Amino acid sequence: MPQRILDQALAFLGTSAIATQPLGPSELVDIGWHTFILYTVDYAAFCQRVAGRFIHHVPDDDPTDQGGTPPTIPTTLTDTVTAIRRAGFTLDVDLWPTAADCSSKCTQCHAGCTDSPTR
């Protein structure tokens, strides 16, 4: 399981490096990201190699940023899952709750898929 979590954290970070919108990890993937950050030299080198910059971890538990302005448009796990797939990474659906509820062929699962009418 730790290898799977790290794999998905790396896919998330690789996607974040090229994303045009803010992305957020699942709870398990966030644990992998936190763990990777603790290895600061390796993490910084990875970020530079993959993104050309440091990828900061910015928790979203405060509804406003430091200046009291509204946060950026929030993202859903479905948005993140979609971005990871579009970036060409393999998705471990068990580590992404919205993805685990839908197969890649789902069209109306009502579980947060991008084409769900409840979204």
PDB file of N, CA and C in Angstrom:
ATOM      1  N   MET A   1       0.810  -1.194   0.000  1.00  0.00           N
ATOM      2  CA  MET A   1       0.000   0.000   0.000  1.00  0.00           C
ATOM      3  C   MET A   1       0.865   1.274   0.000  1.00  0.00           C
ATOM      4  N   PRO A   2       1.949   1.335   0.779  1.00  0.00           N
ATOM      5  CA  PRO A   2       2.759   2.559   0.740  1.00  0.00           C
ATOM      6  C   PRO A   2       3.286   2.887  -0.657  1.00  0.00           C
ATOM      7  N   GLN A   3       3.690   1.852  -1.410  1.00  0.00           N
ATOM      8  CA  GLN A   3       4.176   2.089  -2.773  1.00  0.00           C
ATOM      9  C   GLN A   3       3.070   2.635  -3.667  1.00  0.00           C
ATOM     10  N   ARG A   4       1.878   2.128  -3.503  1.00  0.00           N
ATOM     11  CA  ARG A   4       0.744   2.608  -4.298  1.00  0.00           C
ATOM     12  C   ARG A   4       0.429   4.066  -3.967  1.00  0.00           C
ATOM     13  N   ILE A   5       0.457   4.380  -2.688  1.00  0.00           N
ATOM     14  CA  ILE A   5       0.167   5.760  -2.267  1.00  0.00           C
ATOM     15  C   ILE A   5       1.223   6.705  -2.815  1.00  0.00           C
ATOM     16  N   LEU A   6       2.492   6.329  -2.720  1.00  0.00           N
ATOM     17  CA  LEU A   6       3.558   7.184  -3.251  1.00  0.00           C
ATOM     18  C   LEU A   6       3.433   7.321  -4.766  1.00  0.00           C
ATOM     19  N   ASP A   7       3.123   6.231  -5.445  1.00  0.00           N
ATOM     20  CA  ASP A   7       2.939   6.283  -6.894  1.00  0.00           C
ATOM     21  C   ASP A   7       1.866   7.310  -7.263  1.00  0.00           C
ATOM     22  N   GLN A   8       0.762   7.300  -6.547  1.00  0.00           N
ATOM     23  CA  GLN A   8      -0.318   8.230  -6.854  1.00  0.00           C
ATOM     24  C   GLN A   8       0.021   9.658  -6.435  1.00  0.00           C
ATOM     25  N   ALA A   9       0.811   9.806  -5.384  1.00  0.00           N
ATOM     26  CA  ALA A   9       1.279  11.143  -5.005  1.00  0.00           C
ATOM     27  C   ALA A   9       2.173  11.713  -6.114  1.00  0.00           C
ATOM     28  N   LEU A  10       3.016  10.877  -6.689  1.00  0.00           N
ATOM     29  CA  LEU A  10       3.882  11.333  -7.782  1.00  0.00           C
ATOM     30  C   LEU A  10       3.057  11.666  -9.030  1.00  0.00           C
ATOM     31  N   ALA A  11       2.039  10.868  -9.319  1.00  0.00           N
ATOM     32  CA  ALA A  11       1.157  11.171 -10.448  1.00  0.00           C
ATOM     33  C   ALA A  11       0.421  12.485 -10.203  1.00  0.00           C
ATOM     34  N   PHE A  12      -0.040  12.678  -8.985  1.00  0.00           N
ATOM     35  CA  PHE A  12      -0.717  13.928  -8.624  1.00  0.00           C
ATOM     36  C   PHE A  12       0.218  15.116  -8.797  1.00  0.00           C
ATOM     37  N   LEU A  13       1.444  15.005  -8.300  1.00  0.00           N
ATOM     38  CA  LEU A  13       2.411  16.099  -8.414  1.00  0.00           C
ATOM     39  C   LEU A  13       2.802  16.348  -9.867  1.00  0.00           C
ATOM     40  N   GLY A  14       2.985  15.280 -10.626  1.00  0.00           N
ATOM     41  CA  GLY A  14       3.296  15.450 -12.041  1.00  0.00           C
ATOM     42  C   GLY A  14       2.181  16.153 -12.785  1.00  0.00           C
ATOM     43  N   THR A  15       0.956  15.844 -12.430  1.00  0.00           N
ATOM     44  CA  THR A  15      -0.201  16.506 -13.028  1.00  0.00           C
ATOM     45  C   THR A  15      -0.289  17.956 -12.561  1.00  0.00           C
ATOM     46  N   SER A  16      -0.041  18.173 -11.278  1.00  0.00           N
ATOM     47  CA  SER A  16      -0.074  19.535 -10.736  1.00  0.00           C
ATOM     48  C   SER A  16       0.942  20.434 -11.436  1.00  0.00           C
ATOM     49  N   ALA A  17       2.039  19.845 -11.866  1.00  0.00           N
ATOM     50  CA  ALA A  17       3.091  20.618 -12.529  1.00  0.00           C
ATOM     51  C   ALA A  17       2.616  21.227 -13.845  1.00  0.00           C
ATOM     52  N   ILE A  18       1.636  20.598 -14.483  1.00  0.00           N
ATOM     53  CA  ILE A  18       1.172  21.079 -15.789  1.00  0.00           C
ATOM     54  C   ILE A  18      -0.276  21.566 -15.770  1.00  0.00           C
ATOM     55  N   ALA A  19      -0.922  21.459 -14.626  1.00  0.00           N
ATOM     56  CA  ALA A  19      -2.343  21.812 -14.536  1.00  0.00           C
ATOM     57  C   ALA A  19      -2.569  23.307 -14.686  1.00  0.00           C
ATOM     58  N   THR A  20      -3.706  23.642 -15.250  1.00  0.00           N
ATOM     59  CA  THR A  20      -4.089  25.049 -15.394  1.00  0.00           C
ATOM     60  C   THR A  20      -5.108  25.455 -14.341  1.00  0.00           C
ATOM     61  N   GLN A  21      -5.480  24.518 -13.481  1.00  0.00           N
ATOM     62  CA  GLN A  21      -6.410  24.801 -12.394  1.00  0.00           C
ATOM     63  C   GLN A  21      -5.841  24.189 -11.121  1.00  0.00           C
ATOM     64  N   PRO A  22      -6.257  24.686  -9.957  1.00  0.00           N
ATOM     65  CA  PRO A  22      -5.788  24.071  -8.709  1.00  0.00           C
ATOM     66  C   PRO A  22      -6.302  22.639  -8.607  1.00  0.00           C
ATOM     67  N   LEU A  23      -5.498  21.762  -8.069  1.00  0.00           N
ATOM     68  CA  LEU A  23      -5.883  20.375  -7.872  1.00  0.00           C
ATOM     69  C   LEU A  23      -5.716  20.018  -6.408  1.00  0.00           C
ATOM     70  N   GLY A  24      -6.413  18.990  -5.972  1.00  0.00           N
ATOM     71  CA  GLY A  24      -6.287  18.526  -4.595  1.00  0.00           C
ATOM     72  C   GLY A  24      -6.228  17.016  -4.550  1.00  0.00           C
ATOM     73  N   PRO A  25      -5.428  16.469  -3.639  1.00  0.00           N
ATOM     74  CA  PRO A  25      -5.288  15.021  -3.538  1.00  0.00           C
ATOM     75  C   PRO A  25      -6.392  14.397  -2.690  1.00  0.00           C
ATOM     76  N   SER A  26      -6.561  13.097  -2.832  1.00  0.00           N
ATOM     77  CA  SER A  26      -7.435  12.354  -1.921  1.00  0.00           C
ATOM     78  C   SER A  26      -6.729  12.286  -0.568  1.00  0.00           C
ATOM     79  N   GLU A  27      -7.439  11.827   0.444  1.00  0.00           N
ATOM     80  CA  GLU A  27      -6.831  11.749   1.784  1.00  0.00           C
ATOM     81  C   GLU A  27      -5.599  10.855   1.799  1.00  0.00           C
ATOM     82  N   LEU A  28      -5.678   9.689   1.186  1.00  0.00           N
ATOM     83  CA  LEU A  28      -4.523   8.777   1.177  1.00  0.00           C
ATOM     84  C   LEU A  28      -3.365   9.342   0.370  1.00  0.00           C
ATOM     85  N   VAL A  29      -3.663   9.926  -0.763  1.00  0.00           N
ATOM     86  CA  VAL A  29      -2.607  10.496  -1.596  1.00  0.00           C
ATOM     87  C   VAL A  29      -1.948  11.675  -0.879  1.00  0.00           C
ATOM     88  N   ASP A  30      -2.714  12.430  -0.131  1.00  0.00           N
ATOM     89  CA  ASP A  30      -2.159  13.542   0.644  1.00  0.00           C
ATOM     90  C   ASP A  30      -1.156  13.044   1.681  1.00  0.00           C
ATOM     91  N   ILE A  31      -1.415  11.884   2.257  1.00  0.00           N
ATOM     92  CA  ILE A  31      -0.464  11.289   3.207  1.00  0.00           C
ATOM     93  C   ILE A  31       0.854  10.996   2.491  1.00  0.00           C
ATOM     94  N   GLY A  32       0.777  10.478   1.265  1.00  0.00           N
ATOM     95  CA  GLY A  32       1.988  10.231   0.485  1.00  0.00           C
ATOM     96  C   GLY A  32       2.729  11.511   0.179  1.00  0.00           C
ATOM     97  N   TRP A  33       1.994  12.573  -0.154  1.00  0.00           N
ATOM     98  CA  TRP A  33       2.608  13.870  -0.437  1.00  0.00           C
ATOM     99  C   TRP A  33       3.303  14.402   0.813  1.00  0.00           C
ATOM    100  N   HIS A  34       2.615  14.345   1.962  1.00  0.00           N
ATOM    101  CA  HIS A  34       3.214  14.805   3.220  1.00  0.00           C
ATOM    102  C   HIS A  34       4.500  14.041   3.513  1.00  0.00           C
ATOM    103  N   THR A  35       4.471  12.745   3.302  1.00  0.00           N
ATOM    104  CA  THR A  35       5.651  11.926   3.567  1.00  0.00           C
ATOM    105  C   THR A  35       6.800  12.323   2.643  1.00  0.00           C
ATOM    106  N   PHE A  36       6.515  12.532   1.365  1.00  0.00           N
ATOM    107  CA  PHE A  36       7.545  12.918   0.404  1.00  0.00           C
ATOM    108  C   PHE A  36       8.144  14.270   0.782  1.00  0.00           C
ATOM    109  N   ILE A  37       7.323  15.197   1.198  1.00  0.00           N
ATOM    110  CA  ILE A  37       7.808  16.529   1.575  1.00  0.00           C
ATOM    111  C   ILE A  37       8.835  16.451   2.708  1.00  0.00           C
ATOM    112  N   LEU A  38       8.705  15.467   3.583  1.00  0.00           N
ATOM    113  CA  LEU A  38       9.655  15.326   4.694  1.00  0.00           C
ATOM    114  C   LEU A  38      11.076  15.040   4.208  1.00  0.00           C
ATOM    115  N   TYR A  39      11.190  14.491   3.027  1.00  0.00           N
ATOM    116  CA  TYR A  39      12.500  14.264   2.407  1.00  0.00           C
ATOM    117  C   TYR A  39      12.785  15.480   1.525  1.00  0.00           C
ATOM    118  N   THR A  40      13.070  16.597   2.198  1.00  0.00           N
ATOM    119  CA  THR A  40      13.077  17.915   1.546  1.00  0.00           C
ATOM    120  C   THR A  40      14.017  18.010   0.351  1.00  0.00           C
ATOM    121  N   VAL A  41      15.199  17.455   0.454  1.00  0.00           N
ATOM    122  CA  VAL A  41      16.152  17.545  -0.656  1.00  0.00           C
ATOM    123  C   VAL A  41      15.617  16.789  -1.869  1.00  0.00           C
ATOM    124  N   ASP A  42      15.147  15.570  -1.648  1.00  0.00           N
ATOM    125  CA  ASP A  42      14.596  14.763  -2.745  1.00  0.00           C
ATOM    126  C   ASP A  42      13.334  15.408  -3.312  1.00  0.00           C
ATOM    127  N   TYR A  43      12.478  15.932  -2.434  1.00  0.00           N
ATOM    128  CA  TYR A  43      11.235  16.554  -2.880  1.00  0.00           C
ATOM    129  C   TYR A  43      11.525  17.787  -3.725  1.00  0.00           C
ATOM    130  N   ALA A  44      12.428  18.631  -3.256  1.00  0.00           N
ATOM    131  CA  ALA A  44      12.772  19.848  -4.006  1.00  0.00           C
ATOM    132  C   ALA A  44      13.373  19.494  -5.367  1.00  0.00           C
ATOM    133  N   ALA A  45      14.236  18.485  -5.409  1.00  0.00           N
ATOM    134  CA  ALA A  45      14.845  18.061  -6.675  1.00  0.00           C
ATOM    135  C   ALA A  45      13.777  17.508  -7.623  1.00  0.00           C
ATOM    136  N   PHE A  46      12.853  16.713  -7.098  1.00  0.00           N
ATOM    137  CA  PHE A  46      11.769  16.179  -7.918  1.00  0.00           C
ATOM    138  C   PHE A  46      10.931  17.316  -8.509  1.00  0.00           C
ATOM    139  N   CYS A  47      10.555  18.258  -7.668  1.00  0.00           N
ATOM    140  CA  CYS A  47       9.746  19.388  -8.133  1.00  0.00           C
ATOM    141  C   CYS A  47      10.466  20.152  -9.245  1.00  0.00           C
ATOM    142  N   GLN A  48      11.738  20.392  -9.051  1.00  0.00           N
ATOM    143  CA  GLN A  48      12.496  21.128 -10.061  1.00  0.00           C
ATOM    144  C   GLN A  48      12.561  20.359 -11.370  1.00  0.00           C
ATOM    145  N   ARG A  49      12.787  19.054 -11.257  1.00  0.00           N
ATOM    146  CA  ARG A  49      12.890  18.217 -12.455  1.00  0.00           C
ATOM    147  C   ARG A  49      11.545  18.102 -13.184  1.00  0.00           C
ATOM    148  N   VAL A  50      10.461  17.941 -12.445  1.00  0.00           N
ATOM    149  CA  VAL A  50       9.154  17.697 -13.048  1.00  0.00           C
ATOM    150  C   VAL A  50       8.414  18.981 -13.406  1.00  0.00           C
ATOM    151  N   ALA A  51       8.537  19.997 -12.541  1.00  0.00           N
ATOM    152  CA  ALA A  51       7.739  21.216 -12.739  1.00  0.00           C
ATOM    153  C   ALA A  51       8.572  22.450 -13.057  1.00  0.00           C
ATOM    154  N   GLY A  52       9.871  22.364 -12.816  1.00  0.00           N
ATOM    155  CA  GLY A  52      10.709  23.545 -13.014  1.00  0.00           C
ATOM    156  C   GLY A  52      10.538  24.570 -11.905  1.00  0.00           C
ATOM    157  N   ARG A  53       9.869  24.151 -10.834  1.00  0.00           N
ATOM    158  CA  ARG A  53       9.609  25.014  -9.681  1.00  0.00           C
ATOM    159  C   ARG A  53       9.224  24.135  -8.503  1.00  0.00           C
ATOM    160  N   PHE A  54       9.225  24.732  -7.337  1.00  0.00           N
ATOM    161  CA  PHE A  54       8.808  24.026  -6.131  1.00  0.00           C
ATOM    162  C   PHE A  54       7.280  23.961  -6.104  1.00  0.00           C
ATOM    163  N   ILE A  55       6.726  22.796  -5.861  1.00  0.00           N
ATOM    164  CA  ILE A  55       5.274  22.648  -5.749  1.00  0.00           C
ATOM    165  C   ILE A  55       4.917  22.728  -4.271  1.00  0.00           C
ATOM    166  N   HIS A  56       4.323  23.828  -3.885  1.00  0.00           N
ATOM    167  CA  HIS A  56       3.978  24.052  -2.486  1.00  0.00           C
ATOM    168  C   HIS A  56       2.730  23.282  -2.097  1.00  0.00           C
ATOM    169  N   HIS A  57       2.711  22.836  -0.870  1.00  0.00           N
ATOM    170  CA  HIS A  57       1.515  22.208  -0.305  1.00  0.00           C
ATOM    171  C   HIS A  57       0.755  23.310   0.416  1.00  0.00           C
ATOM    172  N   VAL A  58      -0.414  23.638  -0.085  1.00  0.00           N
ATOM    173  CA  VAL A  58      -1.211  24.722   0.500  1.00  0.00           C
ATOM    174  C   VAL A  58      -2.518  24.121   0.995  1.00  0.00           C
ATOM    175  N   PRO A  59      -2.618  23.876   2.316  1.00  0.00           N
ATOM    176  CA  PRO A  59      -3.858  23.314   2.849  1.00  0.00           C
ATOM    177  C   PRO A  59      -5.040  24.244   2.591  1.00  0.00           C
ATOM    178  N   ASP A  60      -6.208  23.664   2.428  1.00  0.00           N
ATOM    179  CA  ASP A  60      -7.396  24.470   2.158  1.00  0.00           C
ATOM    180  C   ASP A  60      -8.359  24.492   3.334  1.00  0.00           C
ATOM    181  N   ASP A  61      -7.834  24.292   4.539  1.00  0.00           N
ATOM    182  CA  ASP A  61      -8.722  24.275   5.691  1.00  0.00           C
ATOM    183  C   ASP A  61      -9.179  25.666   6.126  1.00  0.00           C
ATOM    184  N   ASP A  62      -8.582  26.729   5.586  1.00  0.00           N
ATOM    185  CA  ASP A  62      -9.011  28.093   5.866  1.00  0.00           C
ATOM    186  C   ASP A  62      -9.763  28.604   4.639  1.00  0.00           C
ATOM    187  N   PRO A  63     -11.020  29.040   4.804  1.00  0.00           N
ATOM    188  CA  PRO A  63     -11.793  29.465   3.644  1.00  0.00           C
ATOM    189  C   PRO A  63     -11.295  30.753   3.000  1.00  0.00           C
ATOM    190  N   THR A  64     -10.350  31.428   3.623  1.00  0.00           N
ATOM    191  CA  THR A  64      -9.750  32.615   3.014  1.00  0.00           C
ATOM    192  C   THR A  64      -8.251  32.481   3.082  1.00  0.00           C
ATOM    193  N   ASP A  65      -7.566  33.189   2.201  1.00  0.00           N
ATOM    194  CA  ASP A  65      -6.110  33.130   2.241  1.00  0.00           C
ATOM    195  C   ASP A  65      -5.588  34.126   3.273  1.00  0.00           C
ATOM    196  N   GLN A  66      -4.286  34.287   3.342  1.00  0.00           N
ATOM    197  CA  GLN A  66      -3.660  35.164   4.336  1.00  0.00           C
ATOM    198  C   GLN A  66      -4.147  36.604   4.258  1.00  0.00           C
ATOM    199  N   GLY A  67      -4.513  37.045   3.083  1.00  0.00           N
ATOM    200  CA  GLY A  67      -4.952  38.425   2.931  1.00  0.00           C
ATOM    201  C   GLY A  67      -6.443  38.618   3.119  1.00  0.00           C
ATOM    202  N   GLY A  68      -7.149  37.557   3.451  1.00  0.00           N
ATOM    203  CA  GLY A  68      -8.574  37.645   3.670  1.00  0.00           C
ATOM    204  C   GLY A  68      -9.400  37.666   2.396  1.00  0.00           C
ATOM    205  N   THR A  69      -8.782  37.338   1.255  1.00  0.00           N
ATOM    206  CA  THR A  69      -9.520  37.317  -0.007  1.00  0.00           C
ATOM    207  C   THR A  69     -10.070  35.922  -0.247  1.00  0.00           C
ATOM    208  N   PRO A  70     -11.114  35.810  -1.042  1.00  0.00           N
ATOM    209  CA  PRO A  70     -11.664  34.478  -1.315  1.00  0.00           C
ATOM    210  C   PRO A  70     -10.621  33.571  -1.947  1.00  0.00           C
ATOM    211  N   PRO A  71     -10.686  32.274  -1.666  1.00  0.00           N
ATOM    212  CA  PRO A  71      -9.730  31.331  -2.260  1.00  0.00           C
ATOM    213  C   PRO A  71     -10.005  31.167  -3.747  1.00  0.00           C
ATOM    214  N   THR A  72      -9.068  30.496  -4.413  1.00  0.00           N
ATOM    215  CA  THR A  72      -9.266  30.190  -5.832  1.00  0.00           C
ATOM    216  C   THR A  72     -10.457  29.245  -5.958  1.00  0.00           C
ATOM    217  N   ILE A  73     -10.941  29.082  -7.155  1.00  0.00           N
ATOM    218  CA  ILE A  73     -12.077  28.196  -7.383  1.00  0.00           C
ATOM    219  C   ILE A  73     -11.726  26.806  -6.870  1.00  0.00           C
ATOM    220  N   PRO A  74     -12.551  26.254  -5.988  1.00  0.00           N
ATOM    221  CA  PRO A  74     -12.214  24.942  -5.431  1.00  0.00           C
ATOM    222  C   PRO A  74     -12.285  23.857  -6.494  1.00  0.00           C
ATOM    223  N   THR A  75     -11.533  22.817  -6.257  1.00  0.00           N
ATOM    224  CA  THR A  75     -11.533  21.686  -7.166  1.00  0.00           C
ATOM    225  C   THR A  75     -12.169  20.503  -6.471  1.00  0.00           C
ATOM    226  N   THR A  76     -12.630  19.562  -7.221  1.00  0.00           N
ATOM    227  CA  THR A  76     -13.165  18.332  -6.657  1.00  0.00           C
ATOM    228  C   THR A  76     -12.189  17.206  -6.961  1.00  0.00           C
ATOM    229  N   LEU A  77     -12.349  16.103  -6.258  1.00  0.00           N
ATOM    230  CA  LEU A  77     -11.509  14.951  -6.573  1.00  0.00           C
ATOM    231  C   LEU A  77     -11.755  14.486  -7.999  1.00  0.00           C
ATOM    232  N   THR A  78     -12.971  14.652  -8.461  1.00  0.00           N
ATOM    233  CA  THR A  78     -13.277  14.278  -9.837  1.00  0.00           C
ATOM    234  C   THR A  78     -12.460  15.110 -10.815  1.00  0.00           C
ATOM    235  N   ASP A  79     -12.333  16.414 -10.542  1.00  0.00           N
ATOM    236  CA  ASP A  79     -11.505  17.272 -11.396  1.00  0.00           C
ATOM    237  C   ASP A  79     -10.061  16.789 -11.393  1.00  0.00           C
ATOM    238  N   THR A  80      -9.568  16.438 -10.216  1.00  0.00           N
ATOM    239  CA  THR A  80      -8.190  15.972 -10.093  1.00  0.00           C
ATOM    240  C   THR A  80      -7.998  14.651 -10.820  1.00  0.00           C
ATOM    241  N   VAL A  81      -8.927  13.717 -10.628  1.00  0.00           N
ATOM    242  CA  VAL A  81      -8.852  12.422 -11.301  1.00  0.00           C
ATOM    243  C   VAL A  81      -8.854  12.606 -12.817  1.00  0.00           C
ATOM    244  N   THR A  82      -9.721  13.463 -13.297  1.00  0.00           N
ATOM    245  CA  THR A  82      -9.789  13.738 -14.735  1.00  0.00           C
ATOM    246  C   THR A  82      -8.467  14.298 -15.234  1.00  0.00           C
ATOM    247  N   ALA A  83      -7.894  15.239 -14.488  1.00  0.00           N
ATOM    248  CA  ALA A  83      -6.618  15.845 -14.887  1.00  0.00           C
ATOM    249  C   ALA A  83      -5.494  14.819 -14.900  1.00  0.00           C
ATOM    250  N   ILE A  84      -5.462  13.935 -13.910  1.00  0.00           N
ATOM    251  CA  ILE A  84      -4.421  12.896 -13.853  1.00  0.00           C
ATOM    252  C   ILE A  84      -4.532  11.972 -15.059  1.00  0.00           C
ATOM    253  N   ARG A  85      -5.736  11.569 -15.377  1.00  0.00           N
ATOM    254  CA  ARG A  85      -5.928  10.701 -16.543  1.00  0.00           C
ATOM    255  C   ARG A  85      -5.527  11.419 -17.829  1.00  0.00           C
ATOM    256  N   ARG A  86      -5.929  12.675 -17.961  1.00  0.00           N
ATOM    257  CA  ARG A  86      -5.583  13.442 -19.173  1.00  0.00           C
ATOM    258  C   ARG A  86      -4.077  13.639 -19.296  1.00  0.00           C
ATOM    259  N   ALA A  87      -3.391  13.707 -18.151  1.00  0.00           N
ATOM    260  CA  ALA A  87      -1.937  13.869 -18.175  1.00  0.00           C
ATOM    261  C   ALA A  87      -1.230  12.565 -18.549  1.00  0.00           C
ATOM    262  N   GLY A  88      -1.993  11.473 -18.630  1.00  0.00           N
ATOM    263  CA  GLY A  88      -1.422  10.203 -19.068  1.00  0.00           C
ATOM    264  C   GLY A  88      -0.940   9.298 -17.960  1.00  0.00           C
ATOM    265  N   PHE A  89      -1.238   9.639 -16.726  1.00  0.00           N
ATOM    266  CA  PHE A  89      -0.821   8.785 -15.610  1.00  0.00           C
ATOM    267  C   PHE A  89      -1.859   7.697 -15.370  1.00  0.00           C
ATOM    268  N   THR A  90      -1.391   6.566 -14.867  1.00  0.00           N
ATOM    269  CA  THR A  90      -2.285   5.480 -14.490  1.00  0.00           C
ATOM    270  C   THR A  90      -2.902   5.826 -13.147  1.00  0.00           C
ATOM    271  N   LEU A  91      -4.192   5.634 -13.047  1.00  0.00           N
ATOM    272  CA  LEU A  91      -4.916   5.964 -11.832  1.00  0.00           C
ATOM    273  C   LEU A  91      -5.183   4.699 -11.034  1.00  0.00           C
ATOM    274  N   ASP A  92      -4.810   4.707  -9.768  1.00  0.00           N
ATOM    275  CA  ASP A  92      -5.130   3.614  -8.846  1.00  0.00           C
ATOM    276  C   ASP A  92      -6.474   3.988  -8.224  1.00  0.00           C
ATOM    277  N   VAL A  93      -7.550   3.500  -8.801  1.00  0.00           N
ATOM    278  CA  VAL A  93      -8.889   3.961  -8.433  1.00  0.00           C
ATOM    279  C   VAL A  93      -9.238   3.736  -6.968  1.00  0.00           C
ATOM    280  N   ASP A  94      -8.608   2.760  -6.331  1.00  0.00           N
ATOM    281  CA  ASP A  94      -8.892   2.509  -4.922  1.00  0.00           C
ATOM    282  C   ASP A  94      -8.415   3.644  -4.015  1.00  0.00           C
ATOM    283  N   LEU A  95      -7.507   4.465  -4.519  1.00  0.00           N
ATOM    284  CA  LEU A  95      -6.972   5.561  -3.713  1.00  0.00           C
ATOM    285  C   LEU A  95      -7.656   6.890  -4.000  1.00  0.00           C
ATOM    286  N   TRP A  96      -8.601   6.880  -4.918  1.00  0.00           N
ATOM    287  CA  TRP A  96      -9.359   8.085  -5.287  1.00  0.00           C
ATOM    288  C   TRP A  96     -10.840   7.741  -5.167  1.00  0.00           C
ATOM    289  N   PRO A  97     -11.487   8.087  -4.074  1.00  0.00           N
ATOM    290  CA  PRO A  97     -12.866   7.652  -3.830  1.00  0.00           C
ATOM    291  C   PRO A  97     -13.842   7.903  -4.978  1.00  0.00           C
ATOM    292  N   THR A  98     -13.783   9.023  -5.641  1.00  0.00           N
ATOM    293  CA  THR A  98     -14.729   9.265  -6.731  1.00  0.00           C
ATOM    294  C   THR A  98     -14.439   8.347  -7.901  1.00  0.00           C
ATOM    295  N   ALA A  99     -13.176   8.058  -8.130  1.00  0.00           N
ATOM    296  CA  ALA A  99     -12.818   7.174  -9.233  1.00  0.00           C
ATOM    297  C   ALA A  99     -13.212   5.738  -8.924  1.00  0.00           C
ATOM    298  N   ALA A 100     -13.126   5.330  -7.673  1.00  0.00           N
ATOM    299  CA  ALA A 100     -13.452   3.957  -7.302  1.00  0.00           C
ATOM    300  C   ALA A 100     -14.931   3.660  -7.497  1.00  0.00           C
ATOM    301  N   ASP A 101     -15.756   4.697  -7.471  1.00  0.00           N
ATOM    302  CA  ASP A 101     -17.190   4.511  -7.628  1.00  0.00           C
ATOM    303  C   ASP A 101     -17.616   4.420  -9.087  1.00  0.00           C
ATOM    304  N   CYS A 102     -16.722   4.737  -9.990  1.00  0.00           N
ATOM    305  CA  CYS A 102     -17.078   4.770 -11.410  1.00  0.00           C
ATOM    306  C   CYS A 102     -16.055   4.003 -12.233  1.00  0.00           C
ATOM    307  N   SER A 103     -16.513   3.325 -13.229  1.00  0.00           N
ATOM    308  CA  SER A 103     -15.580   2.730 -14.176  1.00  0.00           C
ATOM    309  C   SER A 103     -15.288   3.766 -15.253  1.00  0.00           C
ATOM    310  N   SER A 104     -14.293   3.526 -16.046  1.00  0.00           N
ATOM    311  CA  SER A 104     -13.946   4.480 -17.098  1.00  0.00           C
ATOM    312  C   SER A 104     -15.039   4.580 -18.161  1.00  0.00           C
ATOM    313  N   LYS A 105     -15.976   3.629 -18.177  1.00  0.00           N
ATOM    314  CA  LYS A 105     -17.048   3.647 -19.166  1.00  0.00           C
ATOM    315  C   LYS A 105     -18.350   4.214 -18.609  1.00  0.00           C
ATOM    316  N   CYS A 106     -18.352   4.615 -17.349  1.00  0.00           N
ATOM    317  CA  CYS A 106     -19.560   5.111 -16.699  1.00  0.00           C
ATOM    318  C   CYS A 106     -20.058   6.390 -17.367  1.00  0.00           C
ATOM    319  N   THR A 107     -21.361   6.489 -17.531  1.00  0.00           N
ATOM    320  CA  THR A 107     -21.920   7.714 -18.086  1.00  0.00           C
ATOM    321  C   THR A 107     -22.930   8.369 -17.160  1.00  0.00           C
ATOM    322  N   GLN A 108     -23.510   7.646 -16.231  1.00  0.00           N
ATOM    323  CA  GLN A 108     -24.508   8.225 -15.343  1.00  0.00           C
ATOM    324  C   GLN A 108     -24.441   7.595 -13.954  1.00  0.00           C
ATOM    325  N   CYS A 109     -23.287   7.539 -13.334  1.00  0.00           N
ATOM    326  CA  CYS A 109     -23.196   6.815 -12.068  1.00  0.00           C
ATOM    327  C   CYS A 109     -23.595   7.654 -10.865  1.00  0.00           C
ATOM    328  N   HIS A 110     -23.730   8.965 -11.026  1.00  0.00           N
ATOM    329  CA  HIS A 110     -24.138   9.856  -9.937  1.00  0.00           C
ATOM    330  C   HIS A 110     -23.171   9.824  -8.753  1.00  0.00           C
ATOM    331  N   ALA A 111     -21.924   9.484  -8.984  1.00  0.00           N
ATOM    332  CA  ALA A 111     -20.948   9.414  -7.913  1.00  0.00           C
ATOM    333  C   ALA A 111     -19.839  10.431  -8.090  1.00  0.00           C
ATOM    334  N   GLY A 112     -20.154  11.537  -8.726  1.00  0.00           N
ATOM    335  CA  GLY A 112     -19.161  12.580  -8.886  1.00  0.00           C
ATOM    336  C   GLY A 112     -18.440  12.558 -10.207  1.00  0.00           C
ATOM    337  N   CYS A 113     -18.844  11.685 -11.129  1.00  0.00           N
ATOM    338  CA  CYS A 113     -18.201  11.674 -12.440  1.00  0.00           C
ATOM    339  C   CYS A 113     -18.431  13.015 -13.138  1.00  0.00           C
ATOM    340  N   THR A 114     -17.535  13.355 -14.026  1.00  0.00           N
ATOM    341  CA  THR A 114     -17.650  14.640 -14.691  1.00  0.00           C
ATOM    342  C   THR A 114     -18.895  14.739 -15.543  1.00  0.00           C
ATOM    343  N   ASP A 115     -19.454  13.624 -15.963  1.00  0.00           N
ATOM    344  CA  ASP A 115     -20.653  13.708 -16.782  1.00  0.00           C
ATOM    345  C   ASP A 115     -21.911  13.370 -15.985  1.00  0.00           C
ATOM    346  N   SER A 116     -21.816  13.335 -14.673  1.00  0.00           N
ATOM    347  CA  SER A 116     -22.968  13.027 -13.838  1.00  0.00           C
ATOM    348  C   SER A 116     -23.961  14.180 -13.840  1.00  0.00           C
ATOM    349  N   PRO A 117     -25.253  13.905 -14.007  1.00  0.00           N
ATOM    350  CA  PRO A 117     -26.242  14.986 -14.004  1.00  0.00           C
ATOM    351  C   PRO A 117     -26.433  15.615 -12.636  1.00  0.00           C
ATOM    352  N   THR A 118     -25.903  14.995 -11.585  1.00  0.00           N
ATOM    353  CA  THR A 118     -26.061  15.558 -10.245  1.00  0.00           C
ATOM    354  C   THR A 118     -24.949  16.535  -9.911  1.00  0.00           C
ATOM    355  N   ARG A 119     -23.994  16.668 -10.775  1.00  0.00           N
ATOM    356  CA  ARG A 119     -22.847  17.526 -10.493  1.00  0.00           C
ATOM    357  C   ARG A 119     -23.120  18.934 -10.920  1.00  0.00           C
TER     358      ARG A 119
END
